[in-house]
Each structure stands twice: as structure tokens, then as C-alpha cells.
Amino acid sequence: MQIRNRSTEPRRAAAAVEFAVVLPLILLLLFGVWEVGRLVEVQQVLSNAAREGGRQASTGQRTVAQVRQGVVDYIARAGLPTGNVNVTITNMTDGSRPEPNEANQLDRFRIRVTMPSDDVRWILLNQITNGTTISGVADWYSMRDVPLEIDSTLPRD
């Protein structure tokens, strides 16, 4: 019985070719995960900005313009561009009272914050991330106090 000896020399060229074939797929996957993670981060910032606007407006002491500015400031502090940010505030209970400082107690308002995804993309992989806008929404109720009336007359026995 004869035992054949196979060559035990390393096959460096084969490993280099395999790496060259697999590298573009690995990079595409890595960049895709990176881009999707960025868009999820931005969506979370926009949701938090909408909640912050709702928190500020729920006191009933701010106007729509002041609430919008608060939302835009929140987004700017997060390091995102604010040039194309759109903030809409809608009274869902009664459209005749659009201002938070004129709302009745427990009027339901909705704050929607949107921005184009092209403003926050790191890489241009339209095949992976083809959304056109990113948005965040928050609903809140006006906690504006009902005026307290005090009867100043003393009770009689």
C-alpha cells in the first residue's frame, strides 16, 4: 500500500482571490447597516423633538410659532440640519382653536415633524434606503388650567 504525499504548501493566491470576491459584498452589507442605523437615529431624534414640542405647548402658554422654534432648536442641538424641517401642529379636537395658548383644557393636539432623508444620509445608497422623508409624531392634550373662581363672600351662620 502506497501513501501519497500531498503538498502542504499554503495557497495564498486562492485566499487573496476569495477575499477579493467577498470584500464588495461585505462592504455593501456594512454600509447598508450603517446607513439604516443613521436613519433610525434621525427618526428617534425627530420623535423626541415632537414630544419636546408637545411638552412645551401642553402648558397652554406658548404659541404655534414658539412651539415650532422649540422643536427646531431641539433638532439643531442634536446636530442635524434644520433648513428643510417641517413642523405642523394641529388641534385634533377643534380646528377653530389652532393656537395652544388658546386651547381648552384636554384639547388633543398633534405635532408632526418631517425632514427629507437626503439631508441626513451619510452615503448615497438609494438601493438600500429609498425613503423620501423621515418623520416623528407626538399627540398631547392641553393641560391648560381652567380658571379658578373664588367666592369672596363669607358664609353666614
N, C-alpha and C. Protein backbone atom coordinates (compact mmCIF):
# COMPACT_ATOMS: atom_id res chain seq x y z
N MET A 1 0.83 -1.17 0.00
CA MET A 1 0.00 0.00 0.00
C MET A 1 0.89 1.26 0.00
N GLN A 2 0.55 2.15 -0.92
CA GLN A 2 1.33 3.36 -1.01
C GLN A 2 0.53 4.55 -0.47
N ILE A 3 1.18 5.42 0.22
CA ILE A 3 0.56 6.64 0.76
C ILE A 3 1.08 7.81 -0.07
N ARG A 4 0.16 8.53 -0.60
CA ARG A 4 0.55 9.69 -1.40
C ARG A 4 0.81 10.89 -0.50
N ASN A 5 1.79 11.59 -0.80
CA ASN A 5 2.09 12.83 -0.07
C ASN A 5 1.52 14.00 -0.86
N ARG A 6 0.66 14.71 -0.23
CA ARG A 6 0.13 15.93 -0.85
C ARG A 6 0.99 17.11 -0.43
N SER A 7 0.98 18.07 -1.27
CA SER A 7 1.76 19.24 -0.97
C SER A 7 1.11 20.02 0.17
N THR A 8 1.87 20.38 1.14
CA THR A 8 1.35 21.13 2.28
C THR A 8 1.69 22.60 2.19
N GLU A 9 2.00 23.06 1.01
CA GLU A 9 2.31 24.48 0.84
C GLU A 9 1.05 25.31 0.94
N PRO A 10 1.12 26.51 1.57
CA PRO A 10 -0.08 27.36 1.69
C PRO A 10 -0.52 27.86 0.31
N ARG A 11 -1.81 28.03 0.20
CA ARG A 11 -2.39 28.50 -1.07
C ARG A 11 -2.77 29.97 -0.91
N ARG A 12 -1.80 30.82 -0.87
CA ARG A 12 -2.03 32.24 -0.63
C ARG A 12 -2.80 32.89 -1.78
N ALA A 13 -2.58 32.53 -2.93
CA ALA A 13 -3.26 33.15 -4.07
C ALA A 13 -4.76 32.85 -4.04
N ALA A 14 -5.14 31.67 -3.63
CA ALA A 14 -6.56 31.31 -3.56
C ALA A 14 -7.26 32.14 -2.49
N ALA A 15 -6.62 32.35 -1.36
CA ALA A 15 -7.21 33.15 -0.30
C ALA A 15 -7.37 34.61 -0.74
N ALA A 16 -6.42 35.13 -1.47
CA ALA A 16 -6.50 36.50 -1.95
C ALA A 16 -7.64 36.67 -2.95
N VAL A 17 -7.83 35.68 -3.81
CA VAL A 17 -8.92 35.75 -4.78
C VAL A 17 -10.27 35.65 -4.07
N GLU A 18 -10.39 34.76 -3.11
CA GLU A 18 -11.63 34.64 -2.34
C GLU A 18 -11.95 35.94 -1.60
N PHE A 19 -10.92 36.54 -1.01
CA PHE A 19 -11.12 37.81 -0.30
C PHE A 19 -11.57 38.91 -1.25
N ALA A 20 -10.99 38.96 -2.43
CA ALA A 20 -11.35 39.97 -3.43
C ALA A 20 -12.79 39.78 -3.91
N VAL A 21 -13.27 38.56 -3.95
CA VAL A 21 -14.65 38.30 -4.38
C VAL A 21 -15.64 38.66 -3.27
N VAL A 22 -15.31 38.39 -2.03
CA VAL A 22 -16.23 38.57 -0.90
C VAL A 22 -16.22 40.01 -0.37
N LEU A 23 -15.12 40.73 -0.53
CA LEU A 23 -14.99 42.08 0.03
C LEU A 23 -16.10 43.04 -0.42
N PRO A 24 -16.45 43.13 -1.70
CA PRO A 24 -17.54 44.06 -2.07
C PRO A 24 -18.87 43.72 -1.40
N LEU A 25 -19.16 42.45 -1.23
CA LEU A 25 -20.40 42.07 -0.56
C LEU A 25 -20.38 42.45 0.92
N ILE A 26 -19.26 42.25 1.56
CA ILE A 26 -19.14 42.62 2.97
C ILE A 26 -19.26 44.13 3.13
N LEU A 27 -18.60 44.89 2.25
CA LEU A 27 -18.69 46.35 2.34
C LEU A 27 -20.10 46.86 2.08
N LEU A 28 -20.78 46.27 1.11
CA LEU A 28 -22.16 46.66 0.84
C LEU A 28 -23.05 46.40 2.05
N LEU A 29 -22.88 45.27 2.68
CA LEU A 29 -23.65 44.95 3.88
C LEU A 29 -23.31 45.90 5.03
N LEU A 30 -22.04 46.18 5.21
CA LEU A 30 -21.60 47.09 6.28
C LEU A 30 -22.16 48.50 6.08
N PHE A 31 -22.04 49.03 4.85
CA PHE A 31 -22.56 50.37 4.58
C PHE A 31 -24.07 50.42 4.70
N GLY A 32 -24.74 49.36 4.31
CA GLY A 32 -26.20 49.31 4.44
C GLY A 32 -26.64 49.36 5.89
N VAL A 33 -25.99 48.59 6.74
CA VAL A 33 -26.32 48.60 8.18
C VAL A 33 -26.00 49.97 8.77
N TRP A 34 -24.92 50.55 8.35
CA TRP A 34 -24.51 51.88 8.82
C TRP A 34 -25.55 52.92 8.45
N GLU A 35 -26.01 52.90 7.20
CA GLU A 35 -26.99 53.88 6.72
C GLU A 35 -28.35 53.70 7.40
N VAL A 36 -28.80 52.47 7.53
CA VAL A 36 -30.09 52.23 8.19
C VAL A 36 -30.02 52.66 9.65
N GLY A 37 -28.90 52.39 10.29
CA GLY A 37 -28.73 52.84 11.68
C GLY A 37 -28.80 54.35 11.81
N ARG A 38 -28.21 55.05 10.87
CA ARG A 38 -28.26 56.53 10.88
C ARG A 38 -29.70 57.02 10.72
N LEU A 39 -30.46 56.42 9.80
CA LEU A 39 -31.84 56.85 9.59
C LEU A 39 -32.71 56.54 10.81
N VAL A 40 -32.46 55.44 11.48
CA VAL A 40 -33.20 55.13 12.71
C VAL A 40 -32.86 56.15 13.80
N GLU A 41 -31.59 56.53 13.89
CA GLU A 41 -31.18 57.54 14.87
C GLU A 41 -31.88 58.88 14.61
N VAL A 42 -31.93 59.29 13.35
CA VAL A 42 -32.57 60.56 12.99
C VAL A 42 -34.07 60.50 13.28
N GLN A 43 -34.70 59.38 12.97
CA GLN A 43 -36.14 59.23 13.24
C GLN A 43 -36.41 59.35 14.74
N GLN A 44 -35.53 58.81 15.55
CA GLN A 44 -35.69 58.91 17.01
C GLN A 44 -35.53 60.36 17.48
N VAL A 45 -34.59 61.08 16.90
CA VAL A 45 -34.41 62.50 17.25
C VAL A 45 -35.66 63.29 16.89
N LEU A 46 -36.24 63.03 15.71
CA LEU A 46 -37.45 63.75 15.30
C LEU A 46 -38.63 63.40 16.21
N SER A 47 -38.76 62.16 16.63
CA SER A 47 -39.83 61.79 17.57
C SER A 47 -39.63 62.50 18.91
N ASN A 48 -38.40 62.54 19.38
CA ASN A 48 -38.12 63.23 20.64
C ASN A 48 -38.39 64.73 20.52
N ALA A 49 -38.07 65.30 19.37
CA ALA A 49 -38.33 66.73 19.15
C ALA A 49 -39.83 67.00 19.16
N ALA A 50 -40.61 66.12 18.56
CA ALA A 50 -42.07 66.29 18.59
C ALA A 50 -42.61 66.19 20.01
N ARG A 51 -42.09 65.25 20.79
CA ARG A 51 -42.52 65.14 22.20
C ARG A 51 -42.11 66.36 23.01
N GLU A 52 -40.93 66.88 22.73
CA GLU A 52 -40.48 68.09 23.44
C GLU A 52 -41.39 69.26 23.11
N GLY A 53 -41.77 69.39 21.83
CA GLY A 53 -42.71 70.45 21.46
C GLY A 53 -44.05 70.28 22.16
N GLY A 54 -44.53 69.05 22.25
CA GLY A 54 -45.78 68.79 22.96
C GLY A 54 -45.68 69.11 24.44
N ARG A 55 -44.54 68.78 25.04
CA ARG A 55 -44.35 69.09 26.47
C ARG A 55 -44.37 70.59 26.70
N GLN A 56 -43.70 71.34 25.83
CA GLN A 56 -43.66 72.79 25.99
C GLN A 56 -45.04 73.41 25.78
N ALA A 57 -45.77 72.90 24.80
CA ALA A 57 -47.06 73.50 24.46
C ALA A 57 -48.18 73.08 25.39
N SER A 58 -48.02 71.96 26.09
CA SER A 58 -49.12 71.47 26.92
C SER A 58 -49.46 72.41 28.07
N THR A 59 -48.58 73.32 28.40
CA THR A 59 -48.88 74.28 29.46
C THR A 59 -49.90 75.32 29.03
N GLY A 60 -50.07 75.49 27.72
CA GLY A 60 -51.02 76.48 27.21
C GLY A 60 -50.49 77.89 27.25
N GLN A 61 -49.17 78.05 27.37
CA GLN A 61 -48.59 79.38 27.45
C GLN A 61 -47.74 79.73 26.23
N ARG A 62 -47.65 78.84 25.26
CA ARG A 62 -46.84 79.10 24.07
C ARG A 62 -47.70 79.11 22.82
N THR A 63 -47.26 79.90 21.84
CA THR A 63 -47.96 79.97 20.56
C THR A 63 -47.41 78.88 19.63
N VAL A 64 -48.05 78.73 18.48
CA VAL A 64 -47.58 77.76 17.49
C VAL A 64 -46.15 78.11 17.05
N ALA A 65 -45.88 79.39 16.82
CA ALA A 65 -44.54 79.81 16.38
C ALA A 65 -43.49 79.48 17.43
N GLN A 66 -43.80 79.68 18.71
CA GLN A 66 -42.85 79.36 19.77
C GLN A 66 -42.61 77.86 19.88
N VAL A 67 -43.66 77.07 19.70
CA VAL A 67 -43.51 75.61 19.74
C VAL A 67 -42.66 75.14 18.56
N ARG A 68 -42.92 75.67 17.38
CA ARG A 68 -42.12 75.31 16.20
C ARG A 68 -40.64 75.63 16.43
N GLN A 69 -40.39 76.81 16.97
CA GLN A 69 -39.00 77.20 17.22
C GLN A 69 -38.35 76.28 18.24
N GLY A 70 -39.08 75.87 19.26
CA GLY A 70 -38.56 74.92 20.24
C GLY A 70 -38.20 73.58 19.63
N VAL A 71 -39.03 73.11 18.71
CA VAL A 71 -38.77 71.84 18.02
C VAL A 71 -37.52 71.97 17.14
N VAL A 72 -37.43 73.05 16.38
CA VAL A 72 -36.27 73.27 15.51
C VAL A 72 -34.99 73.40 16.33
N ASP A 73 -35.06 74.09 17.46
CA ASP A 73 -33.89 74.23 18.33
C ASP A 73 -33.44 72.86 18.86
N TYR A 74 -34.40 72.00 19.22
CA TYR A 74 -34.07 70.67 19.71
C TYR A 74 -33.32 69.88 18.63
N ILE A 75 -33.80 69.96 17.40
CA ILE A 75 -33.17 69.24 16.30
C ILE A 75 -31.77 69.79 16.03
N ALA A 76 -31.62 71.10 16.11
CA ALA A 76 -30.31 71.72 15.89
C ALA A 76 -29.32 71.30 16.98
N ARG A 77 -29.78 71.22 18.24
CA ARG A 77 -28.90 70.78 19.33
C ARG A 77 -28.46 69.34 19.14
N ALA A 78 -29.25 68.54 18.43
CA ALA A 78 -28.88 67.15 18.15
C ALA A 78 -27.88 67.04 17.01
N GLY A 79 -27.56 68.18 16.38
CA GLY A 79 -26.56 68.19 15.32
C GLY A 79 -27.10 67.89 13.93
N LEU A 80 -28.40 68.00 13.75
CA LEU A 80 -29.00 67.74 12.44
C LEU A 80 -29.29 69.05 11.73
N PRO A 81 -29.29 69.03 10.40
CA PRO A 81 -29.62 70.26 9.65
C PRO A 81 -31.10 70.59 9.79
N THR A 82 -31.42 71.87 9.90
CA THR A 82 -32.80 72.29 10.13
C THR A 82 -33.39 73.07 8.96
N GLY A 83 -32.67 73.20 7.87
CA GLY A 83 -33.13 74.02 6.75
C GLY A 83 -34.43 73.53 6.13
N ASN A 84 -34.64 72.22 6.06
CA ASN A 84 -35.83 71.68 5.42
C ASN A 84 -36.78 70.99 6.40
N VAL A 85 -36.65 71.30 7.67
CA VAL A 85 -37.53 70.70 8.68
C VAL A 85 -38.91 71.33 8.57
N ASN A 86 -39.94 70.50 8.61
CA ASN A 86 -41.32 70.97 8.56
C ASN A 86 -42.03 70.53 9.84
N VAL A 87 -42.58 71.49 10.57
CA VAL A 87 -43.29 71.21 11.82
C VAL A 87 -44.74 71.65 11.65
N THR A 88 -45.67 70.72 11.80
CA THR A 88 -47.10 71.06 11.75
C THR A 88 -47.74 70.74 13.08
N ILE A 89 -48.57 71.65 13.55
CA ILE A 89 -49.29 71.50 14.81
C ILE A 89 -50.77 71.62 14.51
N THR A 90 -51.53 70.59 14.86
CA THR A 90 -52.94 70.53 14.52
C THR A 90 -53.76 70.26 15.77
N ASN A 91 -54.82 71.04 15.96
CA ASN A 91 -55.77 70.78 17.04
C ASN A 91 -56.75 69.73 16.53
N MET A 92 -56.66 68.52 17.03
CA MET A 92 -57.50 67.41 16.57
C MET A 92 -58.92 67.50 17.14
N THR A 93 -59.08 68.21 18.24
CA THR A 93 -60.38 68.33 18.88
C THR A 93 -61.23 69.41 18.21
N ASP A 94 -60.64 70.58 18.02
CA ASP A 94 -61.39 71.70 17.45
C ASP A 94 -60.45 72.54 16.60
N GLY A 95 -60.60 72.46 15.29
CA GLY A 95 -59.73 73.18 14.38
C GLY A 95 -59.87 74.68 14.44
N SER A 96 -60.91 75.19 15.08
CA SER A 96 -61.08 76.65 15.18
C SER A 96 -60.14 77.26 16.22
N ARG A 97 -59.48 76.43 17.02
CA ARG A 97 -58.51 76.91 18.03
C ARG A 97 -57.14 76.29 17.72
N PRO A 98 -56.43 76.81 16.72
CA PRO A 98 -55.15 76.18 16.35
C PRO A 98 -54.00 76.52 17.31
N GLU A 99 -54.12 77.60 18.05
CA GLU A 99 -53.05 78.03 18.94
C GLU A 99 -53.12 77.28 20.27
N PRO A 100 -51.99 76.74 20.75
CA PRO A 100 -52.00 76.04 22.04
C PRO A 100 -52.36 76.95 23.21
N ASN A 101 -52.02 78.24 23.12
CA ASN A 101 -52.34 79.13 24.23
C ASN A 101 -53.80 79.57 24.23
N GLU A 102 -54.56 79.16 23.22
CA GLU A 102 -56.00 79.44 23.19
C GLU A 102 -56.84 78.17 23.34
N ALA A 103 -56.19 77.06 23.56
CA ALA A 103 -56.89 75.77 23.61
C ALA A 103 -57.67 75.63 24.91
N ASN A 104 -58.70 74.82 24.85
CA ASN A 104 -59.42 74.43 26.06
C ASN A 104 -58.66 73.29 26.73
N GLN A 105 -58.95 73.11 27.99
CA GLN A 105 -58.32 72.01 28.70
C GLN A 105 -58.70 70.68 28.04
N LEU A 106 -57.74 69.81 27.86
CA LEU A 106 -57.85 68.49 27.26
C LEU A 106 -58.14 68.50 25.76
N ASP A 107 -57.89 69.62 25.07
CA ASP A 107 -57.91 69.60 23.61
C ASP A 107 -56.74 68.73 23.15
N ARG A 108 -56.98 67.88 22.17
CA ARG A 108 -55.94 66.99 21.67
C ARG A 108 -55.22 67.64 20.50
N PHE A 109 -53.90 67.75 20.61
CA PHE A 109 -53.07 68.32 19.56
C PHE A 109 -52.13 67.26 19.02
N ARG A 110 -51.76 67.41 17.76
CA ARG A 110 -50.78 66.52 17.13
C ARG A 110 -49.65 67.36 16.56
N ILE A 111 -48.42 66.98 16.89
CA ILE A 111 -47.23 67.63 16.34
C ILE A 111 -46.55 66.63 15.42
N ARG A 112 -46.34 67.03 14.17
CA ARG A 112 -45.66 66.17 13.19
C ARG A 112 -44.43 66.91 12.71
N VAL A 113 -43.28 66.23 12.79
CA VAL A 113 -42.01 66.80 12.36
C VAL A 113 -41.49 65.93 11.21
N THR A 114 -41.20 66.55 10.07
CA THR A 114 -40.67 65.81 8.92
C THR A 114 -39.45 66.51 8.36
N MET A 115 -38.58 65.72 7.75
CA MET A 115 -37.43 66.26 7.04
C MET A 115 -37.04 65.27 5.94
N PRO A 116 -36.47 65.77 4.84
CA PRO A 116 -36.04 64.87 3.76
C PRO A 116 -34.89 63.97 4.22
N SER A 117 -34.95 62.72 3.82
CA SER A 117 -33.87 61.80 4.21
C SER A 117 -32.56 62.15 3.52
N ASP A 118 -32.62 62.84 2.39
CA ASP A 118 -31.39 63.25 1.71
C ASP A 118 -30.56 64.22 2.54
N ASP A 119 -31.20 64.93 3.48
CA ASP A 119 -30.47 65.88 4.32
C ASP A 119 -29.59 65.20 5.36
N VAL A 120 -29.86 63.94 5.67
CA VAL A 120 -29.14 63.29 6.77
C VAL A 120 -28.43 62.00 6.36
N ARG A 121 -28.49 61.64 5.10
CA ARG A 121 -27.79 60.43 4.66
C ARG A 121 -26.29 60.64 4.72
N TRP A 122 -25.58 59.60 5.09
CA TRP A 122 -24.13 59.66 5.08
C TRP A 122 -23.58 59.20 3.75
N ILE A 123 -24.24 58.20 3.17
CA ILE A 123 -23.79 57.66 1.89
C ILE A 123 -24.99 57.62 0.95
N LEU A 124 -24.74 57.58 -0.30
CA LEU A 124 -25.82 57.61 -1.29
C LEU A 124 -26.07 56.21 -1.84
N LEU A 125 -26.70 55.38 -1.04
CA LEU A 125 -27.07 54.05 -1.49
C LEU A 125 -28.58 54.02 -1.64
N ASN A 126 -29.08 54.53 -2.75
CA ASN A 126 -30.52 54.61 -2.96
C ASN A 126 -31.17 53.24 -3.03
N GLN A 127 -30.41 52.22 -3.34
CA GLN A 127 -30.98 50.89 -3.41
C GLN A 127 -31.33 50.34 -2.03
N ILE A 128 -30.65 50.81 -1.01
CA ILE A 128 -30.89 50.30 0.35
C ILE A 128 -31.87 51.20 1.09
N THR A 129 -31.67 52.50 1.01
CA THR A 129 -32.52 53.44 1.75
C THR A 129 -33.18 54.37 0.75
N ASN A 130 -34.37 54.03 0.30
CA ASN A 130 -35.02 54.84 -0.72
C ASN A 130 -36.19 55.65 -0.18
N GLY A 131 -36.27 55.84 1.12
CA GLY A 131 -37.33 56.67 1.69
C GLY A 131 -37.12 58.13 1.34
N THR A 132 -38.20 58.85 1.21
CA THR A 132 -38.06 60.25 0.82
C THR A 132 -38.07 61.18 2.03
N THR A 133 -38.83 60.85 3.06
CA THR A 133 -38.88 61.70 4.26
C THR A 133 -38.77 60.84 5.50
N ILE A 134 -38.33 61.48 6.56
CA ILE A 134 -38.28 60.86 7.89
C ILE A 134 -39.19 61.71 8.76
N SER A 135 -39.97 61.08 9.62
CA SER A 135 -40.91 61.86 10.42
C SER A 135 -40.99 61.34 11.84
N GLY A 136 -41.46 62.23 12.70
CA GLY A 136 -41.77 61.91 14.09
C GLY A 136 -43.09 62.57 14.45
N VAL A 137 -43.92 61.86 15.21
CA VAL A 137 -45.25 62.37 15.56
C VAL A 137 -45.46 62.21 17.06
N ALA A 138 -46.11 63.20 17.65
CA ALA A 138 -46.49 63.13 19.05
C ALA A 138 -47.89 63.73 19.22
N ASP A 139 -48.73 63.04 19.97
CA ASP A 139 -50.04 63.57 20.34
C ASP A 139 -49.98 63.98 21.81
N TRP A 140 -50.64 65.07 22.14
CA TRP A 140 -50.67 65.51 23.52
C TRP A 140 -51.97 66.22 23.79
N TYR A 141 -52.28 66.34 25.03
CA TYR A 141 -53.51 67.02 25.46
C TYR A 141 -53.13 68.30 26.19
N SER A 142 -53.89 69.33 25.94
CA SER A 142 -53.65 70.62 26.59
C SER A 142 -53.95 70.48 28.08
N MET A 143 -53.01 70.86 28.88
CA MET A 143 -53.19 70.85 30.33
C MET A 143 -53.44 72.25 30.85
N ARG A 144 -53.89 73.07 29.95
CA ARG A 144 -54.18 74.44 30.33
C ARG A 144 -55.22 74.43 31.43
N ASP A 145 -54.95 75.14 32.50
CA ASP A 145 -55.83 75.13 33.67
C ASP A 145 -57.12 75.88 33.40
N VAL A 146 -58.17 75.36 33.97
CA VAL A 146 -59.44 76.06 33.95
C VAL A 146 -59.34 77.13 35.04
N PRO A 147 -59.73 78.37 34.73
CA PRO A 147 -59.60 79.43 35.74
C PRO A 147 -60.36 79.07 37.01
N LEU A 148 -59.73 79.34 38.11
CA LEU A 148 -60.32 79.08 39.41
C LEU A 148 -61.04 80.34 39.88
N GLU A 149 -62.31 80.19 40.20
CA GLU A 149 -63.08 81.33 40.70
C GLU A 149 -63.25 81.17 42.19
N ILE A 150 -62.95 82.23 42.90
CA ILE A 150 -63.05 82.19 44.36
C ILE A 150 -64.19 83.09 44.79
N ASP A 151 -65.06 82.54 45.57
CA ASP A 151 -66.18 83.31 46.12
C ASP A 151 -65.65 84.04 47.36
N SER A 152 -65.65 85.37 47.30
CA SER A 152 -65.06 86.15 48.39
C SER A 152 -66.05 86.48 49.49
N THR A 153 -67.28 86.08 49.37
CA THR A 153 -68.24 86.36 50.43
C THR A 153 -68.09 85.33 51.53
N LEU A 154 -68.23 85.80 52.75
CA LEU A 154 -68.13 84.91 53.89
C LEU A 154 -69.45 84.21 54.11
N PRO A 155 -69.39 82.96 54.48
CA PRO A 155 -70.65 82.27 54.77
C PRO A 155 -71.26 82.78 56.06
N ARG A 156 -72.57 82.83 56.09
CA ARG A 156 -73.27 83.29 57.29
C ARG A 156 -73.87 82.10 58.01
N ASP A 157 -73.90 82.19 59.28
CA ASP A 157 -74.48 81.11 60.11
C ASP A 157 -75.95 81.16 60.11
